[in-house]
């Protein structure tokens, strides 16, 4: 018999907004636009904090080099 997998705790839009330092309304709009990782549970939208942090890191850009 295999070991049961533990699902990470999910957070709501307000908590996700605090995590990313943006308004929760922006979080919900981005979820509706399928622009950020999220999970739909009926009418509820939840977020995995680890996935959001990985998504945020993937959005980082390096400084542009100035050419002389």
C-alpha atoms as a PDB file:
ATOM      1  CA  UNK A   1       0.000   0.000   0.000  1.00  0.00           C
ATOM      2  CA  UNK A   2       1.371   3.404  -0.909  1.00  0.00           C
ATOM      3  CA  UNK A   3       1.809   6.246   1.543  1.00  0.00           C
ATOM      4  CA  UNK A   4      -0.873   8.951   1.374  1.00  0.00           C
ATOM      5  CA  UNK A   5       0.331  12.212  -0.097  1.00  0.00           C
ATOM      6  CA  UNK A   6      -0.086  15.359   1.927  1.00  0.00           C
ATOM      7  CA  UNK A   7      -1.525  18.283   0.041  1.00  0.00           C
ATOM      8  CA  UNK A   8       0.083  21.620   0.923  1.00  0.00           C
ATOM      9  CA  UNK A   9      -2.124  24.092   2.723  1.00  0.00           C
ATOM     10  CA  UNK A  10      -3.947  26.396   0.365  1.00  0.00           C
ATOM     11  CA  UNK A  11      -4.299  30.124   0.927  1.00  0.00           C
ATOM     12  CA  UNK A  12      -7.041  32.525  -0.121  1.00  0.00           C
ATOM     13  CA  UNK A  13      -6.731  35.638  -2.304  1.00  0.00           C
ATOM     14  CA  UNK A  14      -6.135  38.011   0.621  1.00  0.00           C
ATOM     15  CA  UNK A  15      -3.308  35.849   1.920  1.00  0.00           C
ATOM     16  CA  UNK A  16      -1.876  35.505  -1.610  1.00  0.00           C
ATOM     17  CA  UNK A  17      -2.018  39.287  -1.966  1.00  0.00           C
ATOM     18  CA  UNK A  18      -0.080  39.694   1.256  1.00  0.00           C
ATOM     19  CA  UNK A  19       2.461  37.134   0.066  1.00  0.00           C
ATOM     20  CA  UNK A  20       3.030  38.995  -3.215  1.00  0.00           C
ATOM     21  CA  UNK A  21       2.477  42.500  -1.767  1.00  0.00           C
ATOM     22  CA  UNK A  22      -0.386  43.295  -4.156  1.00  0.00           C
ATOM     23  CA  UNK A  23      -4.123  43.878  -3.634  1.00  0.00           C
ATOM     24  CA  UNK A  24      -6.283  40.764  -3.397  1.00  0.00           C
ATOM     25  CA  UNK A  25      -8.405  42.158  -6.226  1.00  0.00           C
ATOM     26  CA  UNK A  26      -5.356  41.978  -8.513  1.00  0.00           C
ATOM     27  CA  UNK A  27      -4.796  38.366  -7.437  1.00  0.00           C
ATOM     28  CA  UNK A  28      -8.382  37.440  -8.317  1.00  0.00           C
ATOM     29  CA  UNK A  29      -8.220  39.259 -11.655  1.00  0.00           C
ATOM     30  CA  UNK A  30      -5.008  37.430 -12.569  1.00  0.00           C
ATOM     31  CA  UNK A  31      -6.565  34.104 -11.596  1.00  0.00           C
ATOM     32  CA  UNK A  32      -9.600  34.845 -13.801  1.00  0.00           C
ATOM     33  CA  UNK A  33      -7.211  35.647 -16.657  1.00  0.00           C
ATOM     34  CA  UNK A  34      -5.367  32.345 -16.031  1.00  0.00           C
ATOM     35  CA  UNK A  35      -2.163  34.373 -15.517  1.00  0.00           C
ATOM     36  CA  UNK A  36      -1.144  33.008 -12.107  1.00  0.00           C
ATOM     37  CA  UNK A  37      -1.239  29.482 -10.690  1.00  0.00           C
ATOM     38  CA  UNK A  38      -4.461  28.815  -8.801  1.00  0.00           C
ATOM     39  CA  UNK A  39      -6.928  26.083  -7.904  1.00  0.00           C
ATOM     40  CA  UNK A  40     -10.671  26.366  -8.405  1.00  0.00           C
ATOM     41  CA  UNK A  41     -12.869  24.585  -5.881  1.00  0.00           C
ATOM     42  CA  UNK A  42     -16.341  25.338  -7.153  1.00  0.00           C
ATOM     43  CA  UNK A  43     -16.820  29.053  -6.645  1.00  0.00           C
ATOM     44  CA  UNK A  44     -13.755  29.302  -4.428  1.00  0.00           C
ATOM     45  CA  UNK A  45     -10.287  30.188  -5.708  1.00  0.00           C
ATOM     46  CA  UNK A  46      -7.294  29.060  -3.682  1.00  0.00           C
ATOM     47  CA  UNK A  47      -3.555  29.324  -4.121  1.00  0.00           C
ATOM     48  CA  UNK A  48      -0.560  27.185  -3.216  1.00  0.00           C
ATOM     49  CA  UNK A  49       1.970  29.534  -1.598  1.00  0.00           C
ATOM     50  CA  UNK A  50       4.952  27.532  -2.873  1.00  0.00           C
ATOM     51  CA  UNK A  51       3.645  27.658  -6.447  1.00  0.00           C
ATOM     52  CA  UNK A  52       3.068  31.418  -6.194  1.00  0.00           C
ATOM     53  CA  UNK A  53       6.592  31.948  -4.884  1.00  0.00           C
ATOM     54  CA  UNK A  54       8.026  29.854  -7.738  1.00  0.00           C
ATOM     55  CA  UNK A  55       5.888  31.814 -10.230  1.00  0.00           C
ATOM     56  CA  UNK A  56       7.153  35.088  -8.747  1.00  0.00           C
ATOM     57  CA  UNK A  57      10.795  33.974  -9.017  1.00  0.00           C
ATOM     58  CA  UNK A  58      10.224  32.984 -12.646  1.00  0.00           C
ATOM     59  CA  UNK A  59       9.010  36.538 -13.378  1.00  0.00           C
ATOM     60  CA  UNK A  60      12.248  38.145 -12.152  1.00  0.00           C
ATOM     61  CA  UNK A  61      14.412  39.794 -14.773  1.00  0.00           C
ATOM     62  CA  UNK A  62      18.081  40.611 -14.672  1.00  0.00           C
ATOM     63  CA  UNK A  63      19.197  44.228 -14.952  1.00  0.00           C
ATOM     64  CA  UNK A  64      19.849  45.335 -18.503  1.00  0.00           C
ATOM     65  CA  UNK A  65      23.452  46.014 -19.376  1.00  0.00           C
ATOM     66  CA  UNK A  66      24.272  49.393 -20.735  1.00  0.00           C
ATOM     67  CA  UNK A  67      26.357  49.384 -23.868  1.00  0.00           C
ATOM     68  CA  UNK A  68      28.847  52.141 -24.412  1.00  0.00           C
END
